[in-house]
Amino acid sequence: MREGYYAQIWKVVRRIPTGKVATYGAVARAAGFPGTARQVAWALRGAPRGRLPWHRVLGAGGRILLPTEGGLEQRLRLQAEGVSFQADRVRMDRHQYKMNV
């Protein structure tokens, strides 16, 4: 099951365009696994390095949940794509990708 779950999550994450973001919960729902937002983080950690725009997936309300250097890297990657922040949150009103469920 884990292999199939991860593949579905990765497929959804690959659809998030440059300059857009989605929450862990939205990714889980779009992949057909509502209520598994926490497991999305594990799926992203298990992804092949460099092949997934992991940085476009955020916590609820546009929060970066990665600690220390990982969180800084995520913010820098998003800013390089033109994603704007208000304090410590992504401006979801401007950058949220509407997932097809």
PDB file of N, CA and C in Angstrom:
ATOM      1  N   MET A   1       0.820  -1.198   0.000  1.00  0.00           N
ATOM      2  CA  MET A   1       0.000   0.000   0.000  1.00  0.00           C
ATOM      3  C   MET A   1       0.861   1.259   0.000  1.00  0.00           C
ATOM      4  N   ARG A   2       1.949   1.243   0.765  1.00  0.00           N
ATOM      5  CA  ARG A   2       2.790   2.426   0.860  1.00  0.00           C
ATOM      6  C   ARG A   2       3.303   2.867  -0.498  1.00  0.00           C
ATOM      7  N   GLU A   3       3.715   1.925  -1.316  1.00  0.00           N
ATOM      8  CA  GLU A   3       4.236   2.260  -2.641  1.00  0.00           C
ATOM      9  C   GLU A   3       3.174   2.958  -3.476  1.00  0.00           C
ATOM     10  N   GLY A   4       1.955   2.420  -3.494  1.00  0.00           N
ATOM     11  CA  GLY A   4       0.869   3.015  -4.251  1.00  0.00           C
ATOM     12  C   GLY A   4       0.471   4.378  -3.706  1.00  0.00           C
ATOM     13  N   TYR A   5       0.459   4.503  -2.401  1.00  0.00           N
ATOM     14  CA  TYR A   5       0.134   5.777  -1.759  1.00  0.00           C
ATOM     15  C   TYR A   5       1.158   6.831  -2.159  1.00  0.00           C
ATOM     16  N   TYR A   6       2.432   6.506  -1.997  1.00  0.00           N
ATOM     17  CA  TYR A   6       3.493   7.455  -2.341  1.00  0.00           C
ATOM     18  C   TYR A   6       3.399   7.871  -3.807  1.00  0.00           C
ATOM     19  N   ALA A   7       3.190   6.925  -4.694  1.00  0.00           N
ATOM     20  CA  ALA A   7       3.107   7.235  -6.125  1.00  0.00           C
ATOM     21  C   ALA A   7       1.966   8.206  -6.412  1.00  0.00           C
ATOM     22  N   GLN A   8       0.834   8.013  -5.761  1.00  0.00           N
ATOM     23  CA  GLN A   8      -0.310   8.911  -5.964  1.00  0.00           C
ATOM     24  C   GLN A   8      -0.005  10.316  -5.431  1.00  0.00           C
ATOM     25  N   ILE A   9       0.622  10.381  -4.277  1.00  0.00           N
ATOM     26  CA  ILE A   9       0.984  11.679  -3.697  1.00  0.00           C
ATOM     27  C   ILE A   9       1.960  12.395  -4.617  1.00  0.00           C
ATOM     28  N   TRP A  10       2.989  11.703  -5.082  1.00  0.00           N
ATOM     29  CA  TRP A  10       3.983  12.316  -5.965  1.00  0.00           C
ATOM     30  C   TRP A  10       3.350  12.818  -7.253  1.00  0.00           C
ATOM     31  N   LYS A  11       2.410  12.072  -7.774  1.00  0.00           N
ATOM     32  CA  LYS A  11       1.717  12.467  -9.006  1.00  0.00           C
ATOM     33  C   LYS A  11       0.981  13.798  -8.798  1.00  0.00           C
ATOM     34  N   VAL A  12       0.311  13.927  -7.682  1.00  0.00           N
ATOM     35  CA  VAL A  12      -0.419  15.165  -7.375  1.00  0.00           C
ATOM     36  C   VAL A  12       0.555  16.326  -7.184  1.00  0.00           C
ATOM     37  N   VAL A  13       1.628  16.113  -6.439  1.00  0.00           N
ATOM     38  CA  VAL A  13       2.596  17.185  -6.168  1.00  0.00           C
ATOM     39  C   VAL A  13       3.242  17.668  -7.463  1.00  0.00           C
ATOM     40  N   ARG A  14       3.505  16.770  -8.379  1.00  0.00           N
ATOM     41  CA  ARG A  14       4.105  17.171  -9.670  1.00  0.00           C
ATOM     42  C   ARG A  14       3.204  18.109 -10.470  1.00  0.00           C
ATOM     43  N   ARG A  15       1.895  18.082 -10.197  1.00  0.00           N
ATOM     44  CA  ARG A  15       0.953  18.946 -10.928  1.00  0.00           C
ATOM     45  C   ARG A  15       0.929  20.386 -10.409  1.00  0.00           C
ATOM     46  N   ILE A  16       1.506  20.644  -9.254  1.00  0.00           N
ATOM     47  CA  ILE A  16       1.487  22.002  -8.696  1.00  0.00           C
ATOM     48  C   ILE A  16       2.438  22.866  -9.525  1.00  0.00           C
ATOM     49  N   PRO A  17       1.919  23.894 -10.187  1.00  0.00           N
ATOM     50  CA  PRO A  17       2.776  24.698 -11.060  1.00  0.00           C
ATOM     51  C   PRO A  17       3.710  25.638 -10.296  1.00  0.00           C
ATOM     52  N   THR A  18       4.723  26.093 -10.982  1.00  0.00           N
ATOM     53  CA  THR A  18       5.652  27.075 -10.444  1.00  0.00           C
ATOM     54  C   THR A  18       4.885  28.301  -9.969  1.00  0.00           C
ATOM     55  N   GLY A  19       5.228  28.786  -8.785  1.00  0.00           N
ATOM     56  CA  GLY A  19       4.582  29.970  -8.241  1.00  0.00           C
ATOM     57  C   GLY A  19       3.285  29.697  -7.506  1.00  0.00           C
ATOM     58  N   LYS A  20       2.908  28.432  -7.409  1.00  0.00           N
ATOM     59  CA  LYS A  20       1.694  28.033  -6.695  1.00  0.00           C
ATOM     60  C   LYS A  20       2.066  27.075  -5.576  1.00  0.00           C
ATOM     61  N   VAL A  21       1.166  26.942  -4.602  1.00  0.00           N
ATOM     62  CA  VAL A  21       1.387  26.044  -3.466  1.00  0.00           C
ATOM     63  C   VAL A  21       0.099  25.312  -3.139  1.00  0.00           C
ATOM     64  N   ALA A  22       0.234  24.240  -2.376  1.00  0.00           N
ATOM     65  CA  ALA A  22      -0.919  23.496  -1.874  1.00  0.00           C
ATOM     66  C   ALA A  22      -0.595  23.031  -0.459  1.00  0.00           C
ATOM     67  N   THR A  23      -1.620  22.759   0.308  1.00  0.00           N
ATOM     68  CA  THR A  23      -1.407  22.263   1.663  1.00  0.00           C
ATOM     69  C   THR A  23      -1.276  20.734   1.646  1.00  0.00           C
ATOM     70  N   TYR A  24      -0.722  20.212   2.714  1.00  0.00           N
ATOM     71  CA  TYR A  24      -0.618  18.761   2.854  1.00  0.00           C
ATOM     72  C   TYR A  24      -2.001  18.121   2.747  1.00  0.00           C
ATOM     73  N   GLY A  25      -2.985  18.734   3.380  1.00  0.00           N
ATOM     74  CA  GLY A  25      -4.343  18.203   3.347  1.00  0.00           C
ATOM     75  C   GLY A  25      -4.946  18.209   1.956  1.00  0.00           C
ATOM     76  N   ALA A  26      -4.713  19.283   1.194  1.00  0.00           N
ATOM     77  CA  ALA A  26      -5.240  19.363  -0.174  1.00  0.00           C
ATOM     78  C   ALA A  26      -4.599  18.304  -1.061  1.00  0.00           C
ATOM     79  N   VAL A  27      -3.315  18.076  -0.879  1.00  0.00           N
ATOM     80  CA  VAL A  27      -2.622  17.042  -1.658  1.00  0.00           C
ATOM     81  C   VAL A  27      -3.207  15.675  -1.329  1.00  0.00           C
ATOM     82  N   ALA A  28      -3.409  15.394  -0.051  1.00  0.00           N
ATOM     83  CA  ALA A  28      -3.979  14.107   0.361  1.00  0.00           C
ATOM     84  C   ALA A  28      -5.359  13.901  -0.254  1.00  0.00           C
ATOM     85  N   ARG A  29      -6.217  14.917  -0.195  1.00  0.00           N
ATOM     86  CA  ARG A  29      -7.571  14.816  -0.779  1.00  0.00           C
ATOM     87  C   ARG A  29      -7.508  14.606  -2.288  1.00  0.00           C
ATOM     88  N   ALA A  30      -6.663  15.369  -2.967  1.00  0.00           N
ATOM     89  CA  ALA A  30      -6.562  15.258  -4.425  1.00  0.00           C
ATOM     90  C   ALA A  30      -6.037  13.892  -4.857  1.00  0.00           C
ATOM     91  N   ALA A  31      -5.240  13.260  -4.003  1.00  0.00           N
ATOM     92  CA  ALA A  31      -4.705  11.931  -4.314  1.00  0.00           C
ATOM     93  C   ALA A  31      -5.696  10.827  -3.978  1.00  0.00           C
ATOM     94  N   GLY A  32      -6.815  11.207  -3.353  1.00  0.00           N
ATOM     95  CA  GLY A  32      -7.824  10.216  -2.997  1.00  0.00           C
ATOM     96  C   GLY A  32      -7.685   9.638  -1.605  1.00  0.00           C
ATOM     97  N   PHE A  33      -6.927  10.337  -0.755  1.00  0.00           N
ATOM     98  CA  PHE A  33      -6.682   9.875   0.605  1.00  0.00           C
ATOM     99  C   PHE A  33      -6.993  10.969   1.630  1.00  0.00           C
ATOM    100  N   PRO A  34      -8.244  11.413   1.707  1.00  0.00           N
ATOM    101  CA  PRO A  34      -8.564  12.479   2.658  1.00  0.00           C
ATOM    102  C   PRO A  34      -8.227  12.067   4.090  1.00  0.00           C
ATOM    103  N   GLY A  35      -7.796  13.049   4.866  1.00  0.00           N
ATOM    104  CA  GLY A  35      -7.473  12.783   6.266  1.00  0.00           C
ATOM    105  C   GLY A  35      -6.075  12.239   6.506  1.00  0.00           C
ATOM    106  N   THR A  36      -5.240  12.233   5.486  1.00  0.00           N
ATOM    107  CA  THR A  36      -3.883  11.686   5.651  1.00  0.00           C
ATOM    108  C   THR A  36      -2.802  12.740   5.430  1.00  0.00           C
ATOM    109  N   ALA A  37      -3.080  13.971   5.835  1.00  0.00           N
ATOM    110  CA  ALA A  37      -2.126  15.069   5.618  1.00  0.00           C
ATOM    111  C   ALA A  37      -0.747  14.763   6.210  1.00  0.00           C
ATOM    112  N   ARG A  38      -0.713  14.178   7.388  1.00  0.00           N
ATOM    113  CA  ARG A  38       0.590  13.884   8.013  1.00  0.00           C
ATOM    114  C   ARG A  38       1.398  12.878   7.202  1.00  0.00           C
ATOM    115  N   GLN A  39       0.720  11.935   6.588  1.00  0.00           N
ATOM    116  CA  GLN A  39       1.422  10.925   5.798  1.00  0.00           C
ATOM    117  C   GLN A  39       2.000  11.522   4.506  1.00  0.00           C
ATOM    118  N   VAL A  40       1.416  12.631   4.050  1.00  0.00           N
ATOM    119  CA  VAL A  40       1.956  13.301   2.860  1.00  0.00           C
ATOM    120  C   VAL A  40       3.400  13.724   3.122  1.00  0.00           C
ATOM    121  N   ALA A  41       3.674  14.206   4.317  1.00  0.00           N
ATOM    122  CA  ALA A  41       5.048  14.598   4.659  1.00  0.00           C
ATOM    123  C   ALA A  41       5.999  13.413   4.523  1.00  0.00           C
ATOM    124  N   TRP A  42       5.578  12.242   4.962  1.00  0.00           N
ATOM    125  CA  TRP A  42       6.427  11.046   4.831  1.00  0.00           C
ATOM    126  C   TRP A  42       6.628  10.679   3.367  1.00  0.00           C
ATOM    127  N   ALA A  43       5.579  10.821   2.577  1.00  0.00           N
ATOM    128  CA  ALA A  43       5.695  10.522   1.146  1.00  0.00           C
ATOM    129  C   ALA A  43       6.686  11.470   0.484  1.00  0.00           C
ATOM    130  N   LEU A  44       6.682  12.726   0.882  1.00  0.00           N
ATOM    131  CA  LEU A  44       7.623  13.687   0.296  1.00  0.00           C
ATOM    132  C   LEU A  44       9.054  13.371   0.710  1.00  0.00           C
ATOM    133  N   ARG A  45       9.239  12.935   1.942  1.00  0.00           N
ATOM    134  CA  ARG A  45      10.586  12.553   2.388  1.00  0.00           C
ATOM    135  C   ARG A  45      11.106  11.344   1.631  1.00  0.00           C
ATOM    136  N   GLY A  46      10.203  10.467   1.215  1.00  0.00           N
ATOM    137  CA  GLY A  46      10.595   9.257   0.512  1.00  0.00           C
ATOM    138  C   GLY A  46      10.734   9.425  -0.993  1.00  0.00           C
ATOM    139  N   ALA A  47      10.546  10.645  -1.477  1.00  0.00           N
ATOM    140  CA  ALA A  47      10.608  10.894  -2.926  1.00  0.00           C
ATOM    141  C   ALA A  47      12.039  10.865  -3.443  1.00  0.00           C
ATOM    142  N   PRO A  48      12.201  10.473  -4.699  1.00  0.00           N
ATOM    143  CA  PRO A  48      13.535  10.538  -5.293  1.00  0.00           C
ATOM    144  C   PRO A  48      14.051  11.978  -5.274  1.00  0.00           C
ATOM    145  N   ARG A  49      15.248  12.166  -4.826  1.00  0.00           N
ATOM    146  CA  ARG A  49      15.839  13.498  -4.668  1.00  0.00           C
ATOM    147  C   ARG A  49      15.865  14.268  -5.991  1.00  0.00           C
ATOM    148  N   GLY A  50      15.401  15.513  -5.940  1.00  0.00           N
ATOM    149  CA  GLY A  50      15.478  16.388  -7.101  1.00  0.00           C
ATOM    150  C   GLY A  50      14.391  16.185  -8.141  1.00  0.00           C
ATOM    151  N   ARG A  51      13.454  15.295  -7.920  1.00  0.00           N
ATOM    152  CA  ARG A  51      12.443  15.003  -8.930  1.00  0.00           C
ATOM    153  C   ARG A  51      11.042  15.463  -8.564  1.00  0.00           C
ATOM    154  N   LEU A  52      10.928  16.160  -7.456  1.00  0.00           N
ATOM    155  CA  LEU A  52       9.609  16.528  -6.968  1.00  0.00           C
ATOM    156  C   LEU A  52       9.653  17.950  -6.408  1.00  0.00           C
ATOM    157  N   PRO A  53       8.693  18.796  -6.756  1.00  0.00           N
ATOM    158  CA  PRO A  53       8.677  20.154  -6.195  1.00  0.00           C
ATOM    159  C   PRO A  53       8.096  20.161  -4.778  1.00  0.00           C
ATOM    160  N   TRP A  54       8.755  19.470  -3.872  1.00  0.00           N
ATOM    161  CA  TRP A  54       8.315  19.298  -2.492  1.00  0.00           C
ATOM    162  C   TRP A  54       8.084  20.632  -1.793  1.00  0.00           C
ATOM    163  N   HIS A  55       8.838  21.634  -2.187  1.00  0.00           N
ATOM    164  CA  HIS A  55       8.778  22.931  -1.506  1.00  0.00           C
ATOM    165  C   HIS A  55       7.443  23.645  -1.714  1.00  0.00           C
ATOM    166  N   ARG A  56       6.630  23.183  -2.655  1.00  0.00           N
ATOM    167  CA  ARG A  56       5.333  23.799  -2.930  1.00  0.00           C
ATOM    168  C   ARG A  56       4.213  23.259  -2.038  1.00  0.00           C
ATOM    169  N   VAL A  57       4.548  22.389  -1.103  1.00  0.00           N
ATOM    170  CA  VAL A  57       3.552  21.808  -0.201  1.00  0.00           C
ATOM    171  C   VAL A  57       3.772  22.375   1.201  1.00  0.00           C
ATOM    172  N   LEU A  58       2.692  22.926   1.765  1.00  0.00           N
ATOM    173  CA  LEU A  58       2.774  23.657   3.026  1.00  0.00           C
ATOM    174  C   LEU A  58       1.755  23.153   4.031  1.00  0.00           C
ATOM    175  N   GLY A  59       1.923  23.602   5.256  1.00  0.00           N
ATOM    176  CA  GLY A  59       0.934  23.338   6.286  1.00  0.00           C
ATOM    177  C   GLY A  59      -0.302  24.211   6.096  1.00  0.00           C
ATOM    178  N   ALA A  60      -1.319  23.923   6.863  1.00  0.00           N
ATOM    179  CA  ALA A  60      -2.572  24.677   6.789  1.00  0.00           C
ATOM    180  C   ALA A  60      -2.303  26.166   6.967  1.00  0.00           C
ATOM    181  N   GLY A  61      -3.010  26.961   6.187  1.00  0.00           N
ATOM    182  CA  GLY A  61      -2.868  28.405   6.289  1.00  0.00           C
ATOM    183  C   GLY A  61      -1.604  28.948   5.663  1.00  0.00           C
ATOM    184  N   GLY A  62      -0.854  28.098   4.957  1.00  0.00           N
ATOM    185  CA  GLY A  62       0.352  28.564   4.272  1.00  0.00           C
ATOM    186  C   GLY A  62       1.608  28.580   5.118  1.00  0.00           C
ATOM    187  N   ARG A  63       1.617  27.818   6.193  1.00  0.00           N
ATOM    188  CA  ARG A  63       2.794  27.783   7.071  1.00  0.00           C
ATOM    189  C   ARG A  63       3.831  26.775   6.601  1.00  0.00           C
ATOM    190  N   ILE A  64       5.072  27.179   6.658  1.00  0.00           N
ATOM    191  CA  ILE A  64       6.183  26.258   6.440  1.00  0.00           C
ATOM    192  C   ILE A  64       6.390  25.499   7.739  1.00  0.00           C
ATOM    193  N   LEU A  65       6.333  24.189   7.665  1.00  0.00           N
ATOM    194  CA  LEU A  65       6.424  23.365   8.877  1.00  0.00           C
ATOM    195  C   LEU A  65       7.791  22.732   9.088  1.00  0.00           C
ATOM    196  N   LEU A  66       8.662  22.820   8.106  1.00  0.00           N
ATOM    197  CA  LEU A  66       9.991  22.233   8.255  1.00  0.00           C
ATOM    198  C   LEU A  66      10.829  23.067   9.223  1.00  0.00           C
ATOM    199  N   PRO A  67      11.591  22.417  10.078  1.00  0.00           N
ATOM    200  CA  PRO A  67      12.423  23.160  11.021  1.00  0.00           C
ATOM    201  C   PRO A  67      13.712  23.676  10.375  1.00  0.00           C
ATOM    202  N   THR A  68      14.281  24.654  10.964  1.00  0.00           N
ATOM    203  CA  THR A  68      15.609  25.219  10.677  1.00  0.00           C
ATOM    204  C   THR A  68      15.960  25.325   9.202  1.00  0.00           C
ATOM    205  N   GLU A  69      17.049  24.678   8.787  1.00  0.00           N
ATOM    206  CA  GLU A  69      17.560  24.841   7.428  1.00  0.00           C
ATOM    207  C   GLU A  69      16.565  24.389   6.357  1.00  0.00           C
ATOM    208  N   GLY A  70      15.820  23.328   6.646  1.00  0.00           N
ATOM    209  CA  GLY A  70      14.827  22.847   5.685  1.00  0.00           C
ATOM    210  C   GLY A  70      13.754  23.881   5.426  1.00  0.00           C
ATOM    211  N   GLY A  71      13.305  24.540   6.477  1.00  0.00           N
ATOM    212  CA  GLY A  71      12.304  25.582   6.338  1.00  0.00           C
ATOM    213  C   GLY A  71      12.832  26.796   5.607  1.00  0.00           C
ATOM    214  N   LEU A  72      14.072  27.159   5.880  1.00  0.00           N
ATOM    215  CA  LEU A  72      14.693  28.284   5.182  1.00  0.00           C
ATOM    216  C   LEU A  72      14.848  27.966   3.699  1.00  0.00           C
ATOM    217  N   GLU A  73      15.299  26.753   3.390  1.00  0.00           N
ATOM    218  CA  GLU A  73      15.433  26.351   1.990  1.00  0.00           C
ATOM    219  C   GLU A  73      14.080  26.407   1.281  1.00  0.00           C
ATOM    220  N   GLN A  74      13.037  25.928   1.950  1.00  0.00           N
ATOM    221  CA  GLN A  74      11.709  25.944   1.347  1.00  0.00           C
ATOM    222  C   GLN A  74      11.271  27.380   1.056  1.00  0.00           C
ATOM    223  N   ARG A  75      11.453  28.256   2.016  1.00  0.00           N
ATOM    224  CA  ARG A  75      11.067  29.658   1.817  1.00  0.00           C
ATOM    225  C   ARG A  75      11.843  30.286   0.659  1.00  0.00           C
ATOM    226  N   LEU A  76      13.140  30.050   0.611  1.00  0.00           N
ATOM    227  CA  LEU A  76      13.965  30.618  -0.465  1.00  0.00           C
ATOM    228  C   LEU A  76      13.553  30.082  -1.833  1.00  0.00           C
ATOM    229  N   ARG A  77      13.258  28.794  -1.914  1.00  0.00           N
ATOM    230  CA  ARG A  77      12.800  28.211  -3.180  1.00  0.00           C
ATOM    231  C   ARG A  77      11.480  28.837  -3.618  1.00  0.00           C
ATOM    232  N   LEU A  78      10.568  29.008  -2.678  1.00  0.00           N
ATOM    233  CA  LEU A  78       9.273  29.610  -3.007  1.00  0.00           C
ATOM    234  C   LEU A  78       9.441  31.064  -3.438  1.00  0.00           C
ATOM    235  N   GLN A  79      10.250  31.820  -2.725  1.00  0.00           N
ATOM    236  CA  GLN A  79      10.471  33.217  -3.097  1.00  0.00           C
ATOM    237  C   GLN A  79      11.112  33.318  -4.478  1.00  0.00           C
ATOM    238  N   ALA A  80      12.002  32.386  -4.805  1.00  0.00           N
ATOM    239  CA  ALA A  80      12.627  32.378  -6.132  1.00  0.00           C
ATOM    240  C   ALA A  80      11.596  32.139  -7.237  1.00  0.00           C
ATOM    241  N   GLU A  81      10.489  31.492  -6.891  1.00  0.00           N
ATOM    242  CA  GLU A  81       9.407  31.247  -7.849  1.00  0.00           C
ATOM    243  C   GLU A  81       8.377  32.379  -7.859  1.00  0.00           C
ATOM    244  N   GLY A  82       8.613  33.419  -7.053  1.00  0.00           N
ATOM    245  CA  GLY A  82       7.705  34.555  -7.021  1.00  0.00           C
ATOM    246  C   GLY A  82       6.592  34.456  -5.996  1.00  0.00           C
ATOM    247  N   VAL A  83       6.674  33.488  -5.109  1.00  0.00           N
ATOM    248  CA  VAL A  83       5.658  33.323  -4.072  1.00  0.00           C
ATOM    249  C   VAL A  83       5.892  34.368  -2.984  1.00  0.00           C
ATOM    250  N   SER A  84       4.832  35.076  -2.608  1.00  0.00           N
ATOM    251  CA  SER A  84       4.963  36.127  -1.602  1.00  0.00           C
ATOM    252  C   SER A  84       4.495  35.636  -0.233  1.00  0.00           C
ATOM    253  N   PHE A  85       5.064  36.259   0.773  1.00  0.00           N
ATOM    254  CA  PHE A  85       4.780  35.917   2.164  1.00  0.00           C
ATOM    255  C   PHE A  85       4.225  37.131   2.892  1.00  0.00           C
ATOM    256  N   GLN A  86       3.443  36.847   3.897  1.00  0.00           N
ATOM    257  CA  GLN A  86       3.038  37.855   4.863  1.00  0.00           C
ATOM    258  C   GLN A  86       3.481  37.305   6.200  1.00  0.00           C
ATOM    259  N   ALA A  87       4.499  37.900   6.762  1.00  0.00           N
ATOM    260  CA  ALA A  87       5.167  37.404   7.967  1.00  0.00           C
ATOM    261  C   ALA A  87       5.689  35.991   7.680  1.00  0.00           C
ATOM    262  N   ASP A  88       5.219  34.981   8.423  1.00  0.00           N
ATOM    263  CA  ASP A  88       5.755  33.624   8.248  1.00  0.00           C
ATOM    264  C   ASP A  88       4.843  32.717   7.426  1.00  0.00           C
ATOM    265  N   ARG A  89       3.890  33.300   6.708  1.00  0.00           N
ATOM    266  CA  ARG A  89       2.942  32.499   5.925  1.00  0.00           C
ATOM    267  C   ARG A  89       2.915  32.928   4.461  1.00  0.00           C
ATOM    268  N   VAL A  90       2.714  31.944   3.599  1.00  0.00           N
ATOM    269  CA  VAL A  90       2.527  32.237   2.180  1.00  0.00           C
ATOM    270  C   VAL A  90       1.185  32.932   2.006  1.00  0.00           C
ATOM    271  N   ARG A  91       1.126  33.867   1.106  1.00  0.00           N
ATOM    272  CA  ARG A  91      -0.132  34.545   0.779  1.00  0.00           C
ATOM    273  C   ARG A  91      -0.989  33.571  -0.035  1.00  0.00           C
ATOM    274  N   MET A  92      -1.774  32.776   0.670  1.00  0.00           N
ATOM    275  CA  MET A  92      -2.584  31.731   0.028  1.00  0.00           C
ATOM    276  C   MET A  92      -3.625  32.325  -0.917  1.00  0.00           C
ATOM    277  N   ASP A  93      -4.101  33.541  -0.628  1.00  0.00           N
ATOM    278  CA  ASP A  93      -5.072  34.177  -1.510  1.00  0.00           C
ATOM    279  C   ASP A  93      -4.496  34.429  -2.898  1.00  0.00           C
ATOM    280  N   ARG A  94      -3.191  34.503  -3.002  1.00  0.00           N
ATOM    281  CA  ARG A  94      -2.524  34.747  -4.292  1.00  0.00           C
ATOM    282  C   ARG A  94      -1.924  33.494  -4.915  1.00  0.00           C
ATOM    283  N   HIS A  95      -1.502  32.560  -4.082  1.00  0.00           N
ATOM    284  CA  HIS A  95      -0.663  31.458  -4.581  1.00  0.00           C
ATOM    285  C   HIS A  95      -1.238  30.056  -4.423  1.00  0.00           C
ATOM    286  N   GLN A  96      -2.393  29.917  -3.795  1.00  0.00           N
ATOM    287  CA  GLN A  96      -2.941  28.569  -3.588  1.00  0.00           C
ATOM    288  C   GLN A  96      -3.390  27.952  -4.902  1.00  0.00           C
ATOM    289  N   TYR A  97      -2.911  26.762  -5.164  1.00  0.00           N
ATOM    290  CA  TYR A  97      -3.302  26.012  -6.356  1.00  0.00           C
ATOM    291  C   TYR A  97      -4.578  25.244  -6.046  1.00  0.00           C
ATOM    292  N   LYS A  98      -5.581  25.460  -6.843  1.00  0.00           N
ATOM    293  CA  LYS A  98      -6.855  24.770  -6.642  1.00  0.00           C
ATOM    294  C   LYS A  98      -6.754  23.364  -7.224  1.00  0.00           C
ATOM    295  N   MET A  99      -6.707  22.396  -6.344  1.00  0.00           N
ATOM    296  CA  MET A  99      -6.571  20.999  -6.739  1.00  0.00           C
ATOM    297  C   MET A  99      -7.885  20.446  -7.247  1.00  0.00           C
ATOM    298  N   ASN A 100      -7.807  19.643  -8.276  1.00  0.00           N
ATOM    299  CA  ASN A 100      -8.983  18.882  -8.727  1.00  0.00           C
ATOM    300  C   ASN A 100      -9.044  17.617  -7.908  1.00  0.00           C
ATOM    301  N   VAL A 101     -10.163  17.411  -7.260  1.00  0.00           N
ATOM    302  CA  VAL A 101     -10.306  16.226  -6.401  1.00  0.00           C
ATOM    303  C   VAL A 101     -11.052  15.145  -7.158  1.00  0.00           C
TER     304      VAL A 101
END
